[in-house]
Amino acid sequence: MESEYRPCVLAVVTNRDGLVLVGERTEPPGSWQFPQGGIDSGESPETALRREIQEEIGVAEFIVLGRSVAAIRYDFPSDISGPLTKKFKGQDQIWFHIRLPAGHEPSLDRATDKEFRALAWVTVSEALKRVVPFKQQAYRQGLSALGLLGT
């Protein structure tokens, strides 16, 4: 039986200054999030992460610094609709903390899925301010699980 929750991966990309990478979704404008995406059938979370990072921010190489032990779950609000909300109640995300090696900068020109219209390096608190309200609690849980949210 298929789960009510879509299995996903999410990447918190940090740089050497302690900033995190957020992307503004193409639709709807003003909606920011960390790079994320579904785990395809037969795919491991690590394989899905590699594919999503390539598709969304155009980077093929990265270093995994940490991973959440359990998936972080959130529900889609009832007032949004789309292909995912017709199929799933929400998402179960495995969170990864990654860093890009020197010389490997994110680029929307190299991204293949065009999910983001803009990328920005921001503080963790700024990332939490930018994310849509229905993901706020999941973001706090995920950042805490990775040791990136101050107590």
C-alpha atoms as a PDB file:
ATOM      1  CA  MET A   1       0.000   0.000   0.000  1.00  0.00           C
ATOM      2  CA  GLU A   2       1.271   3.441  -0.915  1.00  0.00           C
ATOM      3  CA  SER A   3       1.906   5.842   1.932  1.00  0.00           C
ATOM      4  CA  GLU A   4      -0.216   8.916   2.466  1.00  0.00           C
ATOM      5  CA  TYR A   5       3.089  10.789   2.746  1.00  0.00           C
ATOM      6  CA  ARG A   6       5.513  11.317  -0.118  1.00  0.00           C
ATOM      7  CA  PRO A   7       9.039  10.119   0.699  1.00  0.00           C
ATOM      8  CA  CYS A   8      11.484  12.976   0.128  1.00  0.00           C
ATOM      9  CA  VAL A   9      14.951  14.283   0.756  1.00  0.00           C
ATOM     10  CA  LEU A  10      15.884  17.820   1.761  1.00  0.00           C
ATOM     11  CA  ALA A  11      19.332  19.441   1.723  1.00  0.00           C
ATOM     12  CA  VAL A  12      20.532  22.140   4.072  1.00  0.00           C
ATOM     13  CA  VAL A  13      23.534  23.479   2.188  1.00  0.00           C
ATOM     14  CA  THR A  14      25.872  25.457   4.447  1.00  0.00           C
ATOM     15  CA  ASN A  15      28.878  27.513   3.462  1.00  0.00           C
ATOM     16  CA  ARG A  16      32.032  28.258   5.402  1.00  0.00           C
ATOM     17  CA  ASP A  17      30.445  31.433   6.824  1.00  0.00           C
ATOM     18  CA  GLY A  18      27.639  29.415   8.421  1.00  0.00           C
ATOM     19  CA  LEU A  19      24.996  30.645   5.972  1.00  0.00           C
ATOM     20  CA  VAL A  20      22.413  28.326   4.414  1.00  0.00           C
ATOM     21  CA  LEU A  21      21.229  28.200   0.813  1.00  0.00           C
ATOM     22  CA  VAL A  22      17.551  28.865   0.112  1.00  0.00           C
ATOM     23  CA  GLY A  23      15.749  28.987  -3.199  1.00  0.00           C
ATOM     24  CA  GLU A  24      12.739  31.032  -4.210  1.00  0.00           C
ATOM     25  CA  ARG A  25      10.300  28.750  -5.993  1.00  0.00           C
ATOM     26  CA  THR A  26       9.301  29.678  -9.522  1.00  0.00           C
ATOM     27  CA  GLU A  27       5.659  29.155  -8.499  1.00  0.00           C
ATOM     28  CA  PRO A  28       4.398  30.740  -6.349  1.00  0.00           C
ATOM     29  CA  PRO A  29       6.848  33.672  -6.273  1.00  0.00           C
ATOM     30  CA  GLY A  30       7.897  34.662  -2.771  1.00  0.00           C
ATOM     31  CA  SER A  31       7.880  31.038  -1.576  1.00  0.00           C
ATOM     32  CA  TRP A  32      11.347  30.053  -0.312  1.00  0.00           C
ATOM     33  CA  GLN A  33      12.653  26.645   0.698  1.00  0.00           C
ATOM     34  CA  PHE A  34      15.712  24.446   0.947  1.00  0.00           C
ATOM     35  CA  PRO A  35      16.456  22.222  -2.066  1.00  0.00           C
ATOM     36  CA  GLN A  36      14.261  19.144  -1.777  1.00  0.00           C
ATOM     37  CA  GLY A  37      12.520  16.488  -3.804  1.00  0.00           C
ATOM     38  CA  GLY A  38      10.906  13.096  -3.935  1.00  0.00           C
ATOM     39  CA  ILE A  39      12.613   9.762  -3.634  1.00  0.00           C
ATOM     40  CA  ASP A  40      11.792   7.822  -6.789  1.00  0.00           C
ATOM     41  CA  SER A  41      10.800   4.158  -6.650  1.00  0.00           C
ATOM     42  CA  GLY A  42      13.878   1.995  -6.071  1.00  0.00           C
ATOM     43  CA  GLU A  43      16.054   4.992  -5.218  1.00  0.00           C
ATOM     44  CA  SER A  44      18.020   5.321  -1.975  1.00  0.00           C
ATOM     45  CA  PRO A  45      17.775   8.631  -0.097  1.00  0.00           C
ATOM     46  CA  GLU A  46      21.435   9.325  -0.996  1.00  0.00           C
ATOM     47  CA  THR A  47      20.794   8.728  -4.702  1.00  0.00           C
ATOM     48  CA  ALA A  48      17.707  10.955  -4.587  1.00  0.00           C
ATOM     49  CA  LEU A  49      19.735  13.657  -2.824  1.00  0.00           C
ATOM     50  CA  ARG A  50      22.447  13.571  -5.516  1.00  0.00           C
ATOM     51  CA  ARG A  51      19.838  13.797  -8.295  1.00  0.00           C
ATOM     52  CA  GLU A  52      17.859  16.598  -6.626  1.00  0.00           C
ATOM     53  CA  ILE A  53      20.955  18.727  -5.918  1.00  0.00           C
ATOM     54  CA  GLN A  54      21.984  18.409  -9.572  1.00  0.00           C
ATOM     55  CA  GLU A  55      18.463  19.207 -10.834  1.00  0.00           C
ATOM     56  CA  GLU A  56      17.691  22.102  -8.485  1.00  0.00           C
ATOM     57  CA  ILE A  57      20.987  23.945  -7.932  1.00  0.00           C
ATOM     58  CA  GLY A  58      23.200  22.575 -10.716  1.00  0.00           C
ATOM     59  CA  VAL A  59      25.875  21.017  -8.491  1.00  0.00           C
ATOM     60  CA  ALA A  60      27.222  17.498  -9.020  1.00  0.00           C
ATOM     61  CA  GLU A  61      29.623  17.290  -6.062  1.00  0.00           C
ATOM     62  CA  PHE A  62      29.012  17.813  -2.367  1.00  0.00           C
ATOM     63  CA  ILE A  63      30.034  16.498   1.035  1.00  0.00           C
ATOM     64  CA  VAL A  64      27.420  15.048   3.410  1.00  0.00           C
ATOM     65  CA  LEU A  65      28.050  16.368   6.934  1.00  0.00           C
ATOM     66  CA  GLY A  66      24.984  14.894   8.617  1.00  0.00           C
ATOM     67  CA  ARG A  67      21.605  13.271   8.200  1.00  0.00           C
ATOM     68  CA  SER A  68      18.408  13.129  10.228  1.00  0.00           C
ATOM     69  CA  VAL A  69      17.819   9.758  11.877  1.00  0.00           C
ATOM     70  CA  ALA A  70      14.080   9.861  11.243  1.00  0.00           C
ATOM     71  CA  ALA A  71      12.009  11.500   8.525  1.00  0.00           C
ATOM     72  CA  ILE A  72      10.505  14.903   9.311  1.00  0.00           C
ATOM     73  CA  ARG A  73       6.804  14.966   8.422  1.00  0.00           C
ATOM     74  CA  TYR A  74       4.506  17.794   7.461  1.00  0.00           C
ATOM     75  CA  ASP A  75       0.993  17.993   6.034  1.00  0.00           C
ATOM     76  CA  PHE A  76      -0.054  20.018   3.027  1.00  0.00           C
ATOM     77  CA  PRO A  77      -2.575  22.733   3.953  1.00  0.00           C
ATOM     78  CA  SER A  78      -6.097  22.191   2.652  1.00  0.00           C
ATOM     79  CA  ASP A  79      -6.080  25.492   0.746  1.00  0.00           C
ATOM     80  CA  ILE A  80      -3.314  24.534  -1.699  1.00  0.00           C
ATOM     81  CA  SER A  81      -3.820  22.214  -4.638  1.00  0.00           C
ATOM     82  CA  GLY A  82      -1.586  20.580  -7.166  1.00  0.00           C
ATOM     83  CA  PRO A  83      -0.479  17.176  -8.426  1.00  0.00           C
ATOM     84  CA  LEU A  84       1.193  16.292  -5.112  1.00  0.00           C
ATOM     85  CA  THR A  85      -1.730  17.344  -2.911  1.00  0.00           C
ATOM     86  CA  LYS A  86      -4.088  15.168  -4.954  1.00  0.00           C
ATOM     87  CA  LYS A  87      -1.886  12.119  -4.339  1.00  0.00           C
ATOM     88  CA  PHE A  88      -0.425  12.722  -0.864  1.00  0.00           C
ATOM     89  CA  LYS A  89      -1.489  14.133   2.511  1.00  0.00           C
ATOM     90  CA  GLY A  90       2.011  15.563   3.038  1.00  0.00           C
ATOM     91  CA  GLN A  91       5.690  14.735   2.899  1.00  0.00           C
ATOM     92  CA  ASP A  92       8.158  12.652   4.922  1.00  0.00           C
ATOM     93  CA  GLN A  93      11.570  14.270   4.444  1.00  0.00           C
ATOM     94  CA  ILE A  94      14.978  12.858   5.276  1.00  0.00           C
ATOM     95  CA  TRP A  95      17.127  15.896   6.024  1.00  0.00           C
ATOM     96  CA  PHE A  96      20.778  16.097   4.956  1.00  0.00           C
ATOM     97  CA  HIS A  97      23.377  18.684   5.940  1.00  0.00           C
ATOM     98  CA  ILE A  98      25.765  19.193   3.042  1.00  0.00           C
ATOM     99  CA  ARG A  99      28.625  21.455   2.041  1.00  0.00           C
ATOM    100  CA  LEU A 100      29.827  22.184  -1.465  1.00  0.00           C
ATOM    101  CA  PRO A 101      33.536  21.685  -2.178  1.00  0.00           C
ATOM    102  CA  ALA A 102      35.604  24.733  -3.118  1.00  0.00           C
ATOM    103  CA  GLY A 103      34.902  25.728  -6.710  1.00  0.00           C
ATOM    104  CA  HIS A 104      31.438  24.142  -6.802  1.00  0.00           C
ATOM    105  CA  GLU A 105      28.978  27.005  -6.563  1.00  0.00           C
ATOM    106  CA  PRO A 106      25.219  26.650  -7.063  1.00  0.00           C
ATOM    107  CA  SER A 107      23.981  27.884 -10.431  1.00  0.00           C
ATOM    108  CA  LEU A 108      20.439  28.161 -11.714  1.00  0.00           C
ATOM    109  CA  ASP A 109      21.908  28.179 -15.242  1.00  0.00           C
ATOM    110  CA  ARG A 110      23.097  24.592 -14.670  1.00  0.00           C
ATOM    111  CA  ALA A 111      19.920  23.506 -12.846  1.00  0.00           C
ATOM    112  CA  THR A 112      17.767  21.281 -15.032  1.00  0.00           C
ATOM    113  CA  ASP A 113      14.320  21.436 -13.433  1.00  0.00           C
ATOM    114  CA  LYS A 114      13.954  25.230 -13.092  1.00  0.00           C
ATOM    115  CA  GLU A 115      12.112  24.886  -9.773  1.00  0.00           C
ATOM    116  CA  PHE A 116      13.844  27.987  -8.398  1.00  0.00           C
ATOM    117  CA  ARG A 117      13.824  31.542  -9.747  1.00  0.00           C
ATOM    118  CA  ALA A 118      16.488  32.787  -7.286  1.00  0.00           C
ATOM    119  CA  LEU A 119      19.013  31.468  -4.773  1.00  0.00           C
ATOM    120  CA  ALA A 120      20.287  33.247  -1.657  1.00  0.00           C
ATOM    121  CA  TRP A 121      22.762  32.556   1.154  1.00  0.00           C
ATOM    122  CA  VAL A 122      21.066  33.593   4.407  1.00  0.00           C
ATOM    123  CA  THR A 123      21.284  32.974   8.142  1.00  0.00           C
ATOM    124  CA  VAL A 124      19.304  30.079   9.608  1.00  0.00           C
ATOM    125  CA  SER A 125      16.941  32.560  11.293  1.00  0.00           C
ATOM    126  CA  GLU A 126      16.376  34.336   7.954  1.00  0.00           C
ATOM    127  CA  ALA A 127      15.667  30.999   6.254  1.00  0.00           C
ATOM    128  CA  LEU A 128      13.014  30.285   8.891  1.00  0.00           C
ATOM    129  CA  LYS A 129      11.435  33.706   8.273  1.00  0.00           C
ATOM    130  CA  ARG A 130      11.287  33.101   4.513  1.00  0.00           C
ATOM    131  CA  VAL A 131       9.826  29.585   4.493  1.00  0.00           C
ATOM    132  CA  VAL A 132       6.067  29.248   4.035  1.00  0.00           C
ATOM    133  CA  PRO A 133       4.171  28.985   7.342  1.00  0.00           C
ATOM    134  CA  PHE A 134       3.014  25.383   6.861  1.00  0.00           C
ATOM    135  CA  LYS A 135       6.642  24.191   6.702  1.00  0.00           C
ATOM    136  CA  GLN A 136       7.881  26.204   9.712  1.00  0.00           C
ATOM    137  CA  GLN A 137       7.552  23.462  12.324  1.00  0.00           C
ATOM    138  CA  ALA A 138       9.147  20.835  10.045  1.00  0.00           C
ATOM    139  CA  TYR A 139      12.030  23.229   9.325  1.00  0.00           C
ATOM    140  CA  ARG A 140      12.620  23.773  13.041  1.00  0.00           C
ATOM    141  CA  GLN A 141      12.563  19.997  13.622  1.00  0.00           C
ATOM    142  CA  GLY A 142      14.912  19.294  10.715  1.00  0.00           C
ATOM    143  CA  LEU A 143      17.394  22.027  11.600  1.00  0.00           C
ATOM    144  CA  SER A 144      17.369  20.831  15.214  1.00  0.00           C
ATOM    145  CA  ALA A 145      17.924  17.215  14.110  1.00  0.00           C
ATOM    146  CA  LEU A 146      21.013  18.366  12.176  1.00  0.00           C
ATOM    147  CA  GLY A 147      22.295  20.483  15.076  1.00  0.00           C
ATOM    148  CA  LEU A 148      21.875  23.694  13.091  1.00  0.00           C
ATOM    149  CA  LEU A 149      19.220  25.396  15.209  1.00  0.00           C
ATOM    150  CA  GLY A 150      20.322  27.112  18.386  1.00  0.00           C
ATOM    151  CA  THR A 151      18.440  26.215  21.530  1.00  0.00           C
END
